[in-house]
Amino acid sequence: MQGRRLVLFFRWIVFLLAGAYCLRAIFFSDYDGVGGPFRYLTIWALFLSFFCANRMIALMEGRSTRRWDTVVSVTAVLNAMVVILYWRLYFADASSVTRDGQLNEWWLELYMHGLGPALQWIDSLFIHRSYRNIRASLALLVSIVVGYLAWGELIQRPLNDTPIGSVTSGLPYPFLNNLELTERMTFYGVNLGVAIGMLLVFAVSAALIRRFFPRPEAP
């Protein structure tokens, strides 16, 4: 019983943090460009994390019986993509992901690209223990990633004037606007491959956790 209370407390912390950052994204973001904060994959992952946290609490409190395994699994992978891409770009050229190359709002960046994803990974791997239907997770993952890329190329790029690059403009991440279409497609394909690889890594990790740390699973 004590363990269950601790899990519920943990999930409420995750939920409240994600909710607070979602509200900040809605009310304090720049809406000058088409899409506002939803131009960025980070925000997609944040709102999915908030949804997952909400559903995990509802499941645990008996207000729902649906586990949402596929959504939880894919959210973990999207969070991994956000963390990998952000820090890789930051250490290569900080100005490509920050306004002036500095972590001025460090509390925001470290949550969005560190603590927030880590909290969701902990629940998905060690508490909820998702990754039970890889085919469904793979289908949803590819759908979301392709949908996000189409959202950028077909809507944001033609309708937004900034950021401006040497090749095109309007794509949310400045460096993308310096790449030719074939280069962007290659970049997208590589990162989709990385996402699929991350899904497999999470799935194997979850299987090993279930095997070597068997216990009655908290819902």
N, C-alpha and C. Protein backbone atom coordinates (compact mmCIF):
# COMPACT_ATOMS: atom_id res chain seq x y z
N MET A 1 0.83 -1.20 0.00
CA MET A 1 0.00 0.00 0.00
C MET A 1 0.87 1.26 0.00
N GLN A 2 1.96 1.24 0.82
CA GLN A 2 2.84 2.39 0.87
C GLN A 2 3.48 2.64 -0.49
N GLY A 3 3.89 1.53 -1.16
CA GLY A 3 4.49 1.66 -2.48
C GLY A 3 3.51 2.26 -3.48
N ARG A 4 2.27 1.86 -3.40
CA ARG A 4 1.25 2.40 -4.29
C ARG A 4 1.06 3.90 -4.06
N ARG A 5 1.09 4.32 -2.82
CA ARG A 5 0.95 5.75 -2.53
C ARG A 5 2.13 6.54 -3.08
N LEU A 6 3.33 5.97 -2.96
CA LEU A 6 4.51 6.65 -3.49
C LEU A 6 4.42 6.79 -5.01
N VAL A 7 3.94 5.73 -5.67
CA VAL A 7 3.79 5.78 -7.13
C VAL A 7 2.77 6.84 -7.51
N LEU A 8 1.66 6.89 -6.78
CA LEU A 8 0.64 7.87 -7.08
C LEU A 8 1.16 9.29 -6.85
N PHE A 9 1.93 9.47 -5.77
CA PHE A 9 2.54 10.78 -5.49
C PHE A 9 3.48 11.17 -6.62
N PHE A 10 4.31 10.24 -7.06
CA PHE A 10 5.24 10.48 -8.16
C PHE A 10 4.48 10.90 -9.42
N ARG A 11 3.40 10.17 -9.72
CA ARG A 11 2.63 10.48 -10.93
C ARG A 11 1.96 11.85 -10.85
N TRP A 12 1.52 12.23 -9.67
CA TRP A 12 0.92 13.56 -9.52
C TRP A 12 1.98 14.64 -9.72
N ILE A 13 3.19 14.41 -9.24
CA ILE A 13 4.27 15.37 -9.47
C ILE A 13 4.54 15.51 -10.96
N VAL A 14 4.63 14.37 -11.66
CA VAL A 14 4.87 14.39 -13.10
C VAL A 14 3.75 15.14 -13.81
N PHE A 15 2.51 14.85 -13.42
CA PHE A 15 1.34 15.48 -14.04
C PHE A 15 1.33 16.99 -13.82
N LEU A 16 1.56 17.42 -12.59
CA LEU A 16 1.50 18.86 -12.28
C LEU A 16 2.62 19.63 -12.97
N LEU A 17 3.82 19.04 -13.02
CA LEU A 17 4.92 19.70 -13.72
C LEU A 17 4.61 19.83 -15.21
N ALA A 18 4.18 18.73 -15.81
CA ALA A 18 3.86 18.77 -17.24
C ALA A 18 2.73 19.75 -17.52
N GLY A 19 1.72 19.75 -16.65
CA GLY A 19 0.61 20.67 -16.82
C GLY A 19 1.04 22.12 -16.74
N ALA A 20 1.92 22.43 -15.80
CA ALA A 20 2.40 23.80 -15.65
C ALA A 20 3.16 24.26 -16.89
N TYR A 21 3.99 23.39 -17.43
CA TYR A 21 4.75 23.76 -18.62
C TYR A 21 3.87 23.82 -19.85
N CYS A 22 2.83 23.00 -19.91
CA CYS A 22 1.86 23.09 -21.01
C CYS A 22 1.15 24.44 -20.97
N LEU A 23 0.73 24.86 -19.79
CA LEU A 23 0.07 26.16 -19.65
C LEU A 23 1.01 27.30 -20.04
N ARG A 24 2.26 27.18 -19.64
CA ARG A 24 3.21 28.20 -20.04
C ARG A 24 3.36 28.26 -21.55
N ALA A 25 3.41 27.09 -22.19
CA ALA A 25 3.54 27.05 -23.65
C ALA A 25 2.34 27.71 -24.32
N ILE A 26 1.17 27.51 -23.77
CA ILE A 26 -0.05 28.06 -24.37
C ILE A 26 -0.12 29.57 -24.20
N PHE A 27 0.17 30.06 -23.00
CA PHE A 27 -0.08 31.47 -22.69
C PHE A 27 1.12 32.40 -22.85
N PHE A 28 2.33 31.85 -22.89
CA PHE A 28 3.50 32.73 -22.92
C PHE A 28 4.41 32.48 -24.13
N SER A 29 3.92 31.77 -25.13
CA SER A 29 4.72 31.51 -26.32
C SER A 29 4.51 32.59 -27.37
N ASP A 30 5.39 32.60 -28.33
CA ASP A 30 5.31 33.53 -29.45
C ASP A 30 4.36 32.97 -30.51
N TYR A 31 3.32 33.72 -30.84
CA TYR A 31 2.34 33.29 -31.84
C TYR A 31 2.45 34.09 -33.13
N ASP A 32 3.60 34.73 -33.36
CA ASP A 32 3.76 35.50 -34.58
C ASP A 32 3.71 34.62 -35.82
N GLY A 33 4.25 33.43 -35.75
CA GLY A 33 4.26 32.53 -36.89
C GLY A 33 3.11 31.53 -36.83
N VAL A 34 2.75 31.00 -37.98
CA VAL A 34 1.71 29.98 -38.06
C VAL A 34 2.14 28.75 -37.25
N GLY A 35 1.27 28.32 -36.34
CA GLY A 35 1.57 27.16 -35.51
C GLY A 35 1.96 27.51 -34.10
N GLY A 36 2.43 28.73 -33.87
CA GLY A 36 2.81 29.12 -32.52
C GLY A 36 3.79 28.15 -31.91
N PRO A 37 3.60 27.79 -30.66
CA PRO A 37 4.55 26.85 -30.01
C PRO A 37 4.51 25.46 -30.61
N PHE A 38 3.43 25.13 -31.30
CA PHE A 38 3.31 23.78 -31.86
C PHE A 38 4.11 23.61 -33.15
N ARG A 39 4.93 24.61 -33.45
CA ARG A 39 5.88 24.45 -34.53
C ARG A 39 6.98 23.47 -34.13
N TYR A 40 7.15 23.25 -32.83
CA TYR A 40 8.31 22.51 -32.34
C TYR A 40 7.93 21.12 -31.82
N LEU A 41 8.77 20.15 -32.16
CA LEU A 41 8.53 18.78 -31.72
C LEU A 41 8.55 18.68 -30.21
N THR A 42 9.35 19.53 -29.57
CA THR A 42 9.41 19.54 -28.10
C THR A 42 8.02 19.74 -27.49
N ILE A 43 7.24 20.62 -28.07
CA ILE A 43 5.91 20.91 -27.54
C ILE A 43 4.96 19.74 -27.79
N TRP A 44 5.10 19.10 -28.94
CA TRP A 44 4.29 17.89 -29.19
C TRP A 44 4.58 16.85 -28.12
N ALA A 45 5.86 16.62 -27.84
CA ALA A 45 6.24 15.63 -26.83
C ALA A 45 5.76 16.04 -25.44
N LEU A 46 5.82 17.33 -25.13
CA LEU A 46 5.37 17.82 -23.83
C LEU A 46 3.89 17.54 -23.62
N PHE A 47 3.06 17.85 -24.60
CA PHE A 47 1.62 17.65 -24.44
C PHE A 47 1.27 16.16 -24.41
N LEU A 48 2.01 15.35 -25.14
CA LEU A 48 1.79 13.90 -25.05
C LEU A 48 2.19 13.39 -23.67
N SER A 49 3.26 13.92 -23.10
CA SER A 49 3.67 13.53 -21.75
C SER A 49 2.59 13.91 -20.74
N PHE A 50 2.01 15.09 -20.90
CA PHE A 50 0.93 15.53 -20.02
C PHE A 50 -0.27 14.60 -20.14
N PHE A 51 -0.62 14.22 -21.38
CA PHE A 51 -1.74 13.29 -21.59
C PHE A 51 -1.45 11.95 -20.92
N CYS A 52 -0.25 11.43 -21.11
CA CYS A 52 0.10 10.14 -20.51
C CYS A 52 0.05 10.20 -18.98
N ALA A 53 0.57 11.28 -18.40
CA ALA A 53 0.53 11.42 -16.95
C ALA A 53 -0.90 11.44 -16.44
N ASN A 54 -1.77 12.14 -17.17
CA ASN A 54 -3.18 12.20 -16.80
C ASN A 54 -3.81 10.82 -16.82
N ARG A 55 -3.54 10.06 -17.87
CA ARG A 55 -4.15 8.73 -18.02
C ARG A 55 -3.59 7.74 -17.02
N MET A 56 -2.34 7.86 -16.63
CA MET A 56 -1.76 6.95 -15.65
C MET A 56 -2.40 7.17 -14.27
N ILE A 57 -2.67 8.42 -13.94
CA ILE A 57 -3.35 8.70 -12.67
C ILE A 57 -4.77 8.18 -12.71
N ALA A 58 -5.48 8.41 -13.83
CA ALA A 58 -6.86 7.94 -13.95
C ALA A 58 -6.92 6.42 -13.83
N LEU A 59 -5.96 5.74 -14.45
CA LEU A 59 -5.91 4.28 -14.37
C LEU A 59 -5.66 3.81 -12.94
N MET A 60 -4.75 4.48 -12.28
CA MET A 60 -4.39 4.06 -10.92
C MET A 60 -5.50 4.35 -9.92
N GLU A 61 -6.25 5.43 -10.15
CA GLU A 61 -7.33 5.78 -9.25
C GLU A 61 -8.65 5.10 -9.60
N GLY A 62 -8.62 4.23 -10.59
CA GLY A 62 -9.82 3.46 -10.94
C GLY A 62 -10.82 4.22 -11.77
N ARG A 63 -10.44 5.36 -12.36
CA ARG A 63 -11.35 6.13 -13.20
C ARG A 63 -11.28 5.72 -14.65
N SER A 64 -10.38 4.80 -14.96
CA SER A 64 -10.23 4.29 -16.32
C SER A 64 -9.61 2.90 -16.25
N THR A 65 -9.86 2.09 -17.27
CA THR A 65 -9.26 0.76 -17.33
C THR A 65 -8.33 0.62 -18.53
N ARG A 66 -8.23 1.66 -19.33
CA ARG A 66 -7.39 1.60 -20.52
C ARG A 66 -5.95 1.96 -20.17
N ARG A 67 -5.00 1.14 -20.65
CA ARG A 67 -3.60 1.34 -20.29
C ARG A 67 -2.86 2.33 -21.20
N TRP A 68 -3.30 2.50 -22.42
CA TRP A 68 -2.64 3.41 -23.35
C TRP A 68 -1.18 3.04 -23.58
N ASP A 69 -0.89 1.74 -23.61
CA ASP A 69 0.50 1.30 -23.77
C ASP A 69 1.18 1.89 -25.00
N THR A 70 0.48 1.88 -26.13
CA THR A 70 1.09 2.34 -27.37
C THR A 70 1.44 3.82 -27.30
N VAL A 71 0.52 4.63 -26.79
CA VAL A 71 0.77 6.07 -26.69
C VAL A 71 1.91 6.35 -25.71
N VAL A 72 1.92 5.64 -24.59
CA VAL A 72 2.99 5.83 -23.59
C VAL A 72 4.34 5.46 -24.20
N SER A 73 4.38 4.37 -24.93
CA SER A 73 5.63 3.93 -25.55
C SER A 73 6.15 4.94 -26.57
N VAL A 74 5.27 5.40 -27.42
CA VAL A 74 5.66 6.35 -28.47
C VAL A 74 6.06 7.69 -27.87
N THR A 75 5.38 8.12 -26.82
CA THR A 75 5.75 9.36 -26.15
C THR A 75 7.16 9.29 -25.60
N ALA A 76 7.53 8.16 -25.05
CA ALA A 76 8.90 7.99 -24.54
C ALA A 76 9.91 8.15 -25.66
N VAL A 77 9.62 7.59 -26.82
CA VAL A 77 10.53 7.68 -27.96
C VAL A 77 10.62 9.12 -28.46
N LEU A 78 9.49 9.80 -28.57
CA LEU A 78 9.50 11.20 -29.00
C LEU A 78 10.30 12.07 -28.03
N ASN A 79 10.15 11.79 -26.75
CA ASN A 79 10.95 12.51 -25.76
C ASN A 79 12.44 12.25 -25.96
N ALA A 80 12.79 11.01 -26.29
CA ALA A 80 14.19 10.68 -26.55
C ALA A 80 14.70 11.43 -27.77
N MET A 81 13.88 11.50 -28.82
CA MET A 81 14.26 12.26 -30.01
C MET A 81 14.51 13.72 -29.67
N VAL A 82 13.62 14.30 -28.87
CA VAL A 82 13.75 15.70 -28.48
C VAL A 82 15.06 15.93 -27.74
N VAL A 83 15.36 15.06 -26.79
CA VAL A 83 16.58 15.22 -25.99
C VAL A 83 17.83 15.06 -26.86
N ILE A 84 17.86 14.03 -27.68
CA ILE A 84 19.03 13.77 -28.52
C ILE A 84 19.25 14.91 -29.51
N LEU A 85 18.19 15.31 -30.22
CA LEU A 85 18.32 16.36 -31.22
C LEU A 85 18.72 17.69 -30.59
N TYR A 86 18.06 18.03 -29.48
CA TYR A 86 18.34 19.33 -28.87
C TYR A 86 19.79 19.46 -28.43
N TRP A 87 20.26 18.49 -27.66
CA TRP A 87 21.61 18.61 -27.12
C TRP A 87 22.67 18.41 -28.19
N ARG A 88 22.39 17.60 -29.20
CA ARG A 88 23.34 17.46 -30.30
C ARG A 88 23.49 18.79 -31.03
N LEU A 89 22.36 19.44 -31.31
CA LEU A 89 22.41 20.73 -31.98
C LEU A 89 23.00 21.81 -31.08
N TYR A 90 22.66 21.77 -29.79
CA TYR A 90 23.16 22.79 -28.86
C TYR A 90 24.68 22.76 -28.78
N PHE A 91 25.26 21.57 -28.65
CA PHE A 91 26.71 21.49 -28.52
C PHE A 91 27.42 21.71 -29.85
N ALA A 92 26.72 21.51 -30.96
CA ALA A 92 27.31 21.80 -32.27
C ALA A 92 27.23 23.29 -32.59
N ASP A 93 26.09 23.90 -32.31
CA ASP A 93 25.87 25.33 -32.57
C ASP A 93 24.69 25.78 -31.72
N ALA A 94 24.98 26.33 -30.56
CA ALA A 94 23.93 26.67 -29.60
C ALA A 94 22.91 27.64 -30.18
N SER A 95 23.33 28.49 -31.10
CA SER A 95 22.40 29.47 -31.67
C SER A 95 21.34 28.83 -32.54
N SER A 96 21.53 27.57 -32.91
CA SER A 96 20.54 26.89 -33.75
C SER A 96 19.30 26.47 -32.97
N VAL A 97 19.40 26.44 -31.64
CA VAL A 97 18.25 26.04 -30.81
C VAL A 97 17.95 27.03 -29.69
N THR A 98 18.77 28.08 -29.56
CA THR A 98 18.51 29.13 -28.58
C THR A 98 18.62 30.48 -29.27
N ARG A 99 18.04 31.50 -28.66
CA ARG A 99 18.00 32.82 -29.30
C ARG A 99 19.38 33.43 -29.46
N ASP A 100 20.22 33.32 -28.43
CA ASP A 100 21.53 33.96 -28.50
C ASP A 100 22.66 33.01 -28.14
N GLY A 101 22.36 31.71 -28.20
CA GLY A 101 23.39 30.73 -27.89
C GLY A 101 23.58 30.48 -26.41
N GLN A 102 22.70 31.08 -25.57
CA GLN A 102 22.81 30.93 -24.13
C GLN A 102 21.54 30.30 -23.55
N LEU A 103 21.70 29.53 -22.47
CA LEU A 103 20.55 28.95 -21.77
C LEU A 103 20.02 29.98 -20.76
N ASN A 104 19.43 31.04 -21.27
CA ASN A 104 18.95 32.10 -20.40
C ASN A 104 17.82 31.61 -19.49
N GLU A 105 16.88 30.87 -20.05
CA GLU A 105 15.81 30.28 -19.25
C GLU A 105 16.17 28.81 -18.98
N TRP A 106 17.23 28.64 -18.20
CA TRP A 106 17.78 27.31 -18.00
C TRP A 106 16.76 26.37 -17.37
N TRP A 107 15.92 26.87 -16.48
CA TRP A 107 14.91 26.05 -15.81
C TRP A 107 13.90 25.50 -16.82
N LEU A 108 13.65 26.25 -17.88
CA LEU A 108 12.74 25.78 -18.93
C LEU A 108 13.41 24.76 -19.83
N GLU A 109 14.62 25.08 -20.29
CA GLU A 109 15.32 24.19 -21.21
C GLU A 109 15.66 22.85 -20.54
N LEU A 110 16.09 22.91 -19.30
CA LEU A 110 16.48 21.68 -18.62
C LEU A 110 15.29 20.79 -18.31
N TYR A 111 14.12 21.40 -18.08
CA TYR A 111 12.93 20.56 -17.90
C TYR A 111 12.48 19.98 -19.23
N MET A 112 12.37 20.83 -20.26
CA MET A 112 11.85 20.39 -21.54
C MET A 112 12.75 19.37 -22.22
N HIS A 113 14.05 19.51 -22.01
CA HIS A 113 15.00 18.64 -22.71
C HIS A 113 15.82 17.80 -21.75
N GLY A 114 15.26 17.51 -20.59
CA GLY A 114 15.98 16.69 -19.63
C GLY A 114 15.06 16.07 -18.59
N LEU A 115 14.69 16.85 -17.59
CA LEU A 115 13.92 16.31 -16.47
C LEU A 115 12.55 15.78 -16.90
N GLY A 116 11.82 16.55 -17.70
CA GLY A 116 10.49 16.11 -18.13
C GLY A 116 10.51 14.77 -18.85
N PRO A 117 11.33 14.64 -19.90
CA PRO A 117 11.44 13.34 -20.56
C PRO A 117 11.88 12.22 -19.62
N ALA A 118 12.84 12.51 -18.73
CA ALA A 118 13.33 11.47 -17.82
C ALA A 118 12.22 10.95 -16.91
N LEU A 119 11.38 11.85 -16.40
CA LEU A 119 10.27 11.43 -15.54
C LEU A 119 9.30 10.53 -16.31
N GLN A 120 9.05 10.85 -17.56
CA GLN A 120 8.15 10.03 -18.36
C GLN A 120 8.76 8.67 -18.66
N TRP A 121 10.08 8.63 -18.90
CA TRP A 121 10.76 7.36 -19.13
C TRP A 121 10.67 6.47 -17.89
N ILE A 122 10.87 7.05 -16.73
CA ILE A 122 10.82 6.26 -15.49
C ILE A 122 9.47 5.58 -15.35
N ASP A 123 8.39 6.31 -15.60
CA ASP A 123 7.06 5.72 -15.48
C ASP A 123 6.85 4.65 -16.54
N SER A 124 7.19 4.95 -17.79
CA SER A 124 6.91 4.02 -18.87
C SER A 124 7.70 2.72 -18.74
N LEU A 125 8.92 2.81 -18.23
CA LEU A 125 9.78 1.61 -18.13
C LEU A 125 9.60 0.85 -16.81
N PHE A 126 9.62 1.57 -15.70
CA PHE A 126 9.70 0.91 -14.40
C PHE A 126 8.35 0.77 -13.68
N ILE A 127 7.41 1.64 -13.98
CA ILE A 127 6.12 1.58 -13.28
C ILE A 127 5.04 1.01 -14.19
N HIS A 128 4.76 1.71 -15.28
CA HIS A 128 3.71 1.25 -16.19
C HIS A 128 4.14 0.03 -16.98
N ARG A 129 5.42 -0.02 -17.34
CA ARG A 129 5.99 -1.14 -18.08
C ARG A 129 5.26 -1.35 -19.41
N SER A 130 5.46 -0.41 -20.29
CA SER A 130 4.79 -0.41 -21.59
C SER A 130 5.55 -1.27 -22.59
N TYR A 131 5.47 -0.90 -23.88
CA TYR A 131 6.21 -1.56 -24.96
C TYR A 131 5.78 -3.02 -25.14
N ARG A 132 4.48 -3.26 -25.09
CA ARG A 132 3.97 -4.62 -25.22
C ARG A 132 3.48 -4.94 -26.63
N ASN A 133 3.24 -3.91 -27.41
CA ASN A 133 2.77 -4.12 -28.79
C ASN A 133 3.63 -3.26 -29.71
N ILE A 134 4.75 -3.83 -30.16
CA ILE A 134 5.72 -3.08 -30.92
C ILE A 134 5.17 -2.66 -32.28
N ARG A 135 4.38 -3.53 -32.91
CA ARG A 135 3.84 -3.17 -34.22
C ARG A 135 2.95 -1.94 -34.14
N ALA A 136 2.06 -1.92 -33.16
CA ALA A 136 1.18 -0.76 -32.99
C ALA A 136 1.99 0.48 -32.64
N SER A 137 2.99 0.34 -31.79
CA SER A 137 3.83 1.47 -31.41
C SER A 137 4.61 1.99 -32.61
N LEU A 138 5.12 1.08 -33.42
CA LEU A 138 5.87 1.48 -34.61
C LEU A 138 4.97 2.24 -35.58
N ALA A 139 3.76 1.75 -35.78
CA ALA A 139 2.83 2.41 -36.70
C ALA A 139 2.50 3.81 -36.21
N LEU A 140 2.23 3.95 -34.90
CA LEU A 140 1.89 5.27 -34.35
C LEU A 140 3.10 6.20 -34.41
N LEU A 141 4.28 5.68 -34.10
CA LEU A 141 5.49 6.49 -34.12
C LEU A 141 5.75 7.06 -35.51
N VAL A 142 5.70 6.20 -36.51
CA VAL A 142 5.94 6.65 -37.89
C VAL A 142 4.88 7.67 -38.30
N SER A 143 3.63 7.43 -37.91
CA SER A 143 2.54 8.35 -38.27
C SER A 143 2.78 9.73 -37.67
N ILE A 144 3.17 9.78 -36.40
CA ILE A 144 3.38 11.07 -35.74
C ILE A 144 4.58 11.80 -36.34
N VAL A 145 5.68 11.08 -36.54
CA VAL A 145 6.89 11.71 -37.09
C VAL A 145 6.63 12.23 -38.51
N VAL A 146 6.03 11.39 -39.35
CA VAL A 146 5.72 11.82 -40.72
C VAL A 146 4.73 12.98 -40.70
N GLY A 147 3.75 12.92 -39.81
CA GLY A 147 2.79 14.01 -39.69
C GLY A 147 3.46 15.32 -39.28
N TYR A 148 4.40 15.23 -38.35
CA TYR A 148 5.12 16.44 -37.92
C TYR A 148 5.96 17.01 -39.05
N LEU A 149 6.63 16.14 -39.80
CA LEU A 149 7.45 16.60 -40.92
C LEU A 149 6.59 17.23 -42.01
N ALA A 150 5.45 16.63 -42.29
CA ALA A 150 4.54 17.20 -43.29
C ALA A 150 4.00 18.55 -42.82
N TRP A 151 3.72 18.65 -41.54
CA TRP A 151 3.26 19.91 -40.93
C TRP A 151 4.30 21.01 -41.15
N GLY A 152 5.58 20.64 -41.06
CA GLY A 152 6.63 21.62 -41.27
C GLY A 152 6.82 21.99 -42.72
N GLU A 153 6.92 20.98 -43.57
CA GLU A 153 7.24 21.22 -44.98
C GLU A 153 6.06 21.78 -45.78
N LEU A 154 4.86 21.32 -45.49
CA LEU A 154 3.71 21.68 -46.32
C LEU A 154 2.92 22.88 -45.80
N ILE A 155 3.05 23.17 -44.51
CA ILE A 155 2.27 24.27 -43.93
C ILE A 155 3.16 25.37 -43.39
N GLN A 156 4.09 25.02 -42.51
CA GLN A 156 4.91 26.06 -41.89
C GLN A 156 5.85 26.73 -42.89
N ARG A 157 6.51 25.93 -43.70
CA ARG A 157 7.49 26.51 -44.64
C ARG A 157 6.87 27.52 -45.61
N PRO A 158 5.76 27.20 -46.26
CA PRO A 158 5.19 28.20 -47.18
C PRO A 158 4.48 29.37 -46.51
N LEU A 159 4.03 29.19 -45.26
CA LEU A 159 3.21 30.22 -44.62
C LEU A 159 3.98 31.10 -43.64
N ASN A 160 5.17 30.68 -43.22
CA ASN A 160 5.96 31.47 -42.28
C ASN A 160 7.14 32.12 -43.00
N ASP A 161 7.43 33.36 -42.64
CA ASP A 161 8.54 34.10 -43.26
C ASP A 161 9.86 33.90 -42.52
N THR A 162 9.78 33.50 -41.27
CA THR A 162 11.00 33.29 -40.49
C THR A 162 10.94 31.92 -39.83
N PRO A 163 12.10 31.33 -39.47
CA PRO A 163 13.46 31.80 -39.71
C PRO A 163 13.82 31.82 -41.21
N ILE A 164 14.74 32.68 -41.58
CA ILE A 164 15.18 32.80 -42.96
C ILE A 164 16.52 32.10 -43.11
N GLY A 165 16.63 31.24 -44.11
CA GLY A 165 17.88 30.54 -44.39
C GLY A 165 18.40 30.85 -45.77
N SER A 166 19.48 30.21 -46.14
CA SER A 166 20.08 30.44 -47.45
C SER A 166 19.35 29.72 -48.56
N VAL A 167 18.49 28.76 -48.21
CA VAL A 167 17.77 27.96 -49.21
C VAL A 167 16.28 28.24 -49.16
N THR A 168 15.71 28.24 -47.96
CA THR A 168 14.27 28.44 -47.81
C THR A 168 14.00 29.18 -46.51
N SER A 169 12.75 29.27 -46.11
CA SER A 169 12.41 29.94 -44.86
C SER A 169 11.14 29.33 -44.30
N GLY A 170 10.91 29.60 -43.01
CA GLY A 170 9.67 29.16 -42.38
C GLY A 170 9.76 27.89 -41.58
N LEU A 171 10.76 27.04 -41.83
CA LEU A 171 10.90 25.83 -41.03
C LEU A 171 11.33 26.21 -39.62
N PRO A 172 10.82 25.54 -38.60
CA PRO A 172 10.99 26.03 -37.22
C PRO A 172 12.42 26.07 -36.73
N TYR A 173 13.26 25.16 -37.19
CA TYR A 173 14.65 25.12 -36.74
C TYR A 173 15.53 25.78 -37.79
N PRO A 174 16.25 26.85 -37.44
CA PRO A 174 16.97 27.66 -38.42
C PRO A 174 17.86 26.87 -39.37
N PHE A 175 18.58 25.87 -38.87
CA PHE A 175 19.52 25.16 -39.74
C PHE A 175 18.82 24.43 -40.88
N LEU A 176 17.56 24.03 -40.68
CA LEU A 176 16.84 23.33 -41.74
C LEU A 176 16.66 24.23 -42.96
N ASN A 177 16.56 25.52 -42.75
CA ASN A 177 16.35 26.45 -43.85
C ASN A 177 17.61 26.67 -44.68
N ASN A 178 18.73 26.12 -44.22
CA ASN A 178 19.97 26.19 -45.00
C ASN A 178 20.23 24.92 -45.79
N LEU A 179 19.32 23.97 -45.72
CA LEU A 179 19.50 22.69 -46.40
C LEU A 179 18.61 22.61 -47.63
N GLU A 180 19.15 22.02 -48.70
CA GLU A 180 18.34 21.74 -49.88
C GLU A 180 17.32 20.67 -49.53
N LEU A 181 16.28 20.56 -50.37
CA LEU A 181 15.21 19.60 -50.08
C LEU A 181 15.75 18.18 -49.93
N THR A 182 16.66 17.77 -50.80
CA THR A 182 17.21 16.41 -50.70
C THR A 182 17.98 16.22 -49.39
N GLU A 183 18.68 17.28 -48.96
CA GLU A 183 19.42 17.20 -47.70
C GLU A 183 18.45 17.11 -46.52
N ARG A 184 17.36 17.86 -46.59
CA ARG A 184 16.37 17.80 -45.51
C ARG A 184 15.72 16.42 -45.47
N MET A 185 15.41 15.85 -46.63
CA MET A 185 14.80 14.53 -46.65
C MET A 185 15.74 13.47 -46.06
N THR A 186 17.04 13.63 -46.36
CA THR A 186 18.03 12.71 -45.77
C THR A 186 18.07 12.86 -44.26
N PHE A 187 18.07 14.12 -43.79
CA PHE A 187 18.08 14.39 -42.35
C PHE A 187 16.84 13.78 -41.70
N TYR A 188 15.69 13.98 -42.32
CA TYR A 188 14.45 13.43 -41.78
C TYR A 188 14.50 11.90 -41.73
N GLY A 189 14.99 11.30 -42.81
CA GLY A 189 15.04 9.85 -42.86
C GLY A 189 15.96 9.26 -41.80
N VAL A 190 17.11 9.91 -41.61
CA VAL A 190 18.05 9.44 -40.59
C VAL A 190 17.43 9.50 -39.21
N ASN A 191 16.74 10.60 -38.93
CA ASN A 191 16.16 10.76 -37.60
C ASN A 191 14.95 9.85 -37.39
N LEU A 192 14.22 9.55 -38.46
CA LEU A 192 13.16 8.56 -38.33
C LEU A 192 13.75 7.20 -38.02
N GLY A 193 14.88 6.88 -38.66
CA GLY A 193 15.56 5.63 -38.36
C GLY A 193 16.04 5.58 -36.92
N VAL A 194 16.55 6.71 -36.42
CA VAL A 194 16.98 6.78 -35.02
C VAL A 194 15.79 6.56 -34.09
N ALA A 195 14.64 7.14 -34.44
CA ALA A 195 13.44 6.98 -33.61
C ALA A 195 13.02 5.51 -33.55
N ILE A 196 13.05 4.84 -34.69
CA ILE A 196 12.69 3.42 -34.71
C ILE A 196 13.69 2.61 -33.87
N GLY A 197 14.97 2.96 -33.99
CA GLY A 197 15.98 2.29 -33.18
C GLY A 197 15.75 2.52 -31.69
N MET A 198 15.35 3.74 -31.33
CA MET A 198 15.09 4.03 -29.93
C MET A 198 13.89 3.24 -29.41
N LEU A 199 12.88 3.06 -30.26
CA LEU A 199 11.73 2.26 -29.86
C LEU A 199 12.17 0.83 -29.53
N LEU A 200 13.05 0.29 -30.35
CA LEU A 200 13.54 -1.07 -30.10
C LEU A 200 14.37 -1.13 -28.82
N VAL A 201 15.17 -0.09 -28.58
CA VAL A 201 15.97 -0.05 -27.36
C VAL A 201 15.07 -0.01 -26.13
N PHE A 202 14.04 0.83 -26.16
CA PHE A 202 13.10 0.89 -25.05
C PHE A 202 12.38 -0.44 -24.87
N ALA A 203 11.98 -1.06 -25.97
CA ALA A 203 11.25 -2.33 -25.89
C ALA A 203 12.11 -3.42 -25.26
N VAL A 204 13.36 -3.51 -25.68
CA VAL A 204 14.26 -4.51 -25.12
C VAL A 204 14.52 -4.21 -23.65
N SER A 205 14.72 -2.94 -23.32
CA SER A 205 14.96 -2.56 -21.92
C SER A 205 13.77 -2.92 -21.05
N ALA A 206 12.55 -2.66 -21.55
CA ALA A 206 11.35 -2.97 -20.79
C ALA A 206 11.22 -4.48 -20.59
N ALA A 207 11.54 -5.26 -21.63
CA ALA A 207 11.46 -6.73 -21.52
C ALA A 207 12.45 -7.25 -20.48
N LEU A 208 13.65 -6.68 -20.45
CA LEU A 208 14.65 -7.10 -19.47
C LEU A 208 14.23 -6.72 -18.05
N ILE A 209 13.63 -5.55 -17.91
CA ILE A 209 13.15 -5.13 -16.58
C ILE A 209 12.06 -6.07 -16.10
N ARG A 210 11.13 -6.41 -16.98
CA ARG A 210 10.04 -7.33 -16.59
C ARG A 210 10.58 -8.70 -16.23
N ARG A 211 11.65 -9.12 -16.93
CA ARG A 211 12.18 -10.46 -16.68
C ARG A 211 13.00 -10.53 -15.40
N PHE A 212 13.85 -9.55 -15.18
CA PHE A 212 14.78 -9.63 -14.06
C PHE A 212 14.27 -8.94 -12.79
N PHE A 213 13.21 -8.16 -12.95
CA PHE A 213 12.61 -7.52 -11.78
C PHE A 213 11.10 -7.77 -11.77
N PRO A 214 10.73 -9.04 -11.74
CA PRO A 214 9.29 -9.35 -11.76
C PRO A 214 8.63 -8.92 -10.45
N ARG A 215 7.46 -8.39 -10.59
CA ARG A 215 6.68 -7.98 -9.42
C ARG A 215 5.26 -7.70 -9.86
N PRO A 216 4.33 -7.67 -8.95
CA PRO A 216 2.99 -7.23 -9.32
C PRO A 216 3.05 -5.81 -9.84
N GLU A 217 2.58 -5.58 -11.04
CA GLU A 217 2.73 -4.27 -11.67
C GLU A 217 1.64 -3.31 -11.22
N ALA A 218 2.06 -2.13 -10.84
CA ALA A 218 1.09 -1.08 -10.53
C ALA A 218 0.43 -0.64 -11.82
N PRO A 219 -0.85 -0.42 -11.84
CA PRO A 219 -1.51 0.00 -13.07
C PRO A 219 -1.05 1.37 -13.52
